[in-house]
Amino acid sequence: MARFHEILRRLAMIDEGFVEGEAGLRLDPPGTPALDPRTVALLRVGVSVAMGSPGDSLGWSAARALAAGASEDQIADVLLAIAPVAGLGRVAAAVPDLGTALGYDVAAALEELDDP
């Protein structure tokens, strides 16, 4: 495998060890003593949505939030909380990818509404 193939593959899958080791980019904050890990992870979900991050990044941030103890309901509440500031369009665009990360197929659920 060509070196650039490996780099692109590891970046696309957000290989945390690779990103930290090769790019020198810390994915965990050095210390946020006033915020617990769950809150930090939920904030990352909100910022990822507000920035218009791609689906893989949204999935990664949702998975980290769940691993930090956040619930699916809390992740959904983050979307409601940021919608007035980030914009409903930005939030709606992120919903299918976040739904997938949470094990919910939003597109299929919308199709069910169309069925008589």
Protein backbone atom coordinates (compact mmCIF):
# COMPACT_ATOMS: atom_id res chain seq x y z
CA MET A 1 0.00 0.00 0.00
CA ALA A 2 1.33 3.43 -0.91
CA ARG A 3 2.16 5.68 2.04
CA PHE A 4 -0.38 8.32 1.02
CA HIS A 5 -3.08 5.62 0.83
CA GLU A 6 -2.41 4.71 4.44
CA ILE A 7 -2.43 8.35 5.54
CA LEU A 8 -5.70 9.11 3.75
CA ARG A 9 -7.34 5.93 5.06
CA ARG A 10 -6.34 6.64 8.66
CA LEU A 11 -7.45 10.27 8.46
CA ALA A 12 -10.80 9.29 6.91
CA MET A 13 -11.53 6.83 9.70
CA ILE A 14 -10.33 9.31 12.35
CA ASP A 15 -7.71 6.93 13.72
CA GLU A 16 -7.10 8.79 16.97
CA GLY A 17 -3.71 7.25 17.71
CA PHE A 18 -2.50 8.02 14.20
CA VAL A 19 -3.75 11.60 14.24
CA GLU A 20 -2.16 12.27 17.61
CA GLY A 21 1.11 10.49 16.79
CA GLU A 22 1.67 11.53 13.18
CA ALA A 23 -0.03 14.91 12.98
CA GLY A 24 0.61 15.94 16.57
CA LEU A 25 -3.05 16.90 16.96
CA ARG A 26 -4.51 16.18 20.37
CA LEU A 27 -8.10 15.03 20.14
CA ASP A 28 -8.66 15.27 23.87
CA PRO A 29 -8.34 18.62 25.58
CA PRO A 30 -5.28 18.94 27.82
CA GLY A 31 -7.56 19.60 30.75
CA THR A 32 -10.95 21.15 31.35
CA PRO A 33 -11.31 20.98 35.11
CA ALA A 34 -14.59 22.88 35.15
CA LEU A 35 -16.22 20.56 32.58
CA ASP A 36 -16.81 16.86 32.91
CA PRO A 37 -15.93 14.58 29.94
CA ARG A 38 -19.60 14.09 29.00
CA THR A 39 -20.18 17.83 28.74
CA VAL A 40 -17.02 18.27 26.67
CA ALA A 41 -18.14 15.47 24.33
CA LEU A 42 -21.63 16.98 23.95
CA LEU A 43 -20.08 20.35 23.17
CA ARG A 44 -18.01 18.70 20.47
CA VAL A 45 -21.15 17.26 18.91
CA GLY A 46 -22.72 20.72 18.84
CA VAL A 47 -19.64 22.36 17.37
CA SER A 48 -19.28 19.63 14.76
CA VAL A 49 -22.85 20.20 13.65
CA ALA A 50 -22.51 24.00 13.70
CA MET A 51 -19.35 23.82 11.58
CA GLY A 52 -21.00 21.56 9.00
CA SER A 53 -18.59 18.70 9.63
CA PRO A 54 -18.80 15.67 7.32
CA GLY A 55 -20.71 12.56 8.33
CA ASP A 56 -17.68 10.63 9.55
CA SER A 57 -16.77 13.43 11.92
CA LEU A 58 -20.33 13.68 13.19
CA GLY A 59 -20.41 9.94 13.79
CA TRP A 60 -17.08 10.10 15.59
CA SER A 61 -18.20 12.94 17.87
CA ALA A 62 -21.50 11.17 18.64
CA ALA A 63 -19.67 7.92 19.44
CA ARG A 64 -17.32 9.78 21.78
CA ALA A 65 -20.27 11.46 23.49
CA LEU A 66 -21.95 8.09 24.04
CA ALA A 67 -18.69 6.63 25.34
CA ALA A 68 -18.42 9.55 27.76
CA GLY A 69 -21.84 8.72 29.21
CA ALA A 70 -24.15 10.93 27.16
CA SER A 71 -27.52 9.55 26.14
CA GLU A 72 -29.12 9.68 22.72
CA ASP A 73 -31.68 12.09 24.16
CA GLN A 74 -28.92 14.42 25.34
CA ILE A 75 -27.34 14.41 21.88
CA ALA A 76 -30.75 15.26 20.37
CA ASP A 77 -31.17 18.05 22.93
CA VAL A 78 -27.83 19.50 21.82
CA LEU A 79 -29.34 19.85 18.33
CA LEU A 80 -32.34 21.70 19.71
CA ALA A 81 -30.09 23.94 21.78
CA ILE A 82 -27.83 24.98 18.91
CA ALA A 83 -30.48 25.30 16.17
CA PRO A 84 -31.27 28.98 16.90
CA VAL A 85 -27.58 29.89 16.64
CA ALA A 86 -26.22 27.40 14.08
CA GLY A 87 -29.30 27.53 11.90
CA LEU A 88 -32.02 24.97 11.33
CA GLY A 89 -30.62 24.08 7.91
CA ARG A 90 -27.23 23.18 9.34
CA VAL A 91 -28.83 21.09 12.06
CA ALA A 92 -31.24 19.36 9.66
CA ALA A 93 -28.35 18.52 7.33
CA ALA A 94 -26.53 16.76 10.19
CA VAL A 95 -29.52 14.74 11.39
CA PRO A 96 -29.20 11.77 8.98
CA ASP A 97 -25.53 11.21 9.86
CA LEU A 98 -26.13 11.61 13.58
CA GLY A 99 -29.13 9.31 13.33
CA THR A 100 -26.95 6.67 11.70
CA ALA A 101 -24.37 7.06 14.46
CA LEU A 102 -27.14 6.52 17.01
CA GLY A 103 -28.58 3.49 15.20
CA TYR A 104 -31.61 5.30 13.79
CA ASP A 105 -32.30 5.46 10.05
CA VAL A 106 -33.94 8.86 9.63
CA ALA A 107 -34.50 8.40 5.88
CA ALA A 108 -36.37 5.13 6.45
CA ALA A 109 -38.45 6.73 9.18
CA LEU A 110 -39.43 9.55 6.83
CA GLU A 111 -40.37 7.05 4.11
CA GLU A 112 -42.67 5.28 6.57
CA LEU A 113 -44.55 8.54 7.01
CA ASP A 114 -45.15 8.65 3.25
CA ASP A 115 -46.57 5.11 3.12
CA PRO A 116 -50.37 4.96 3.31
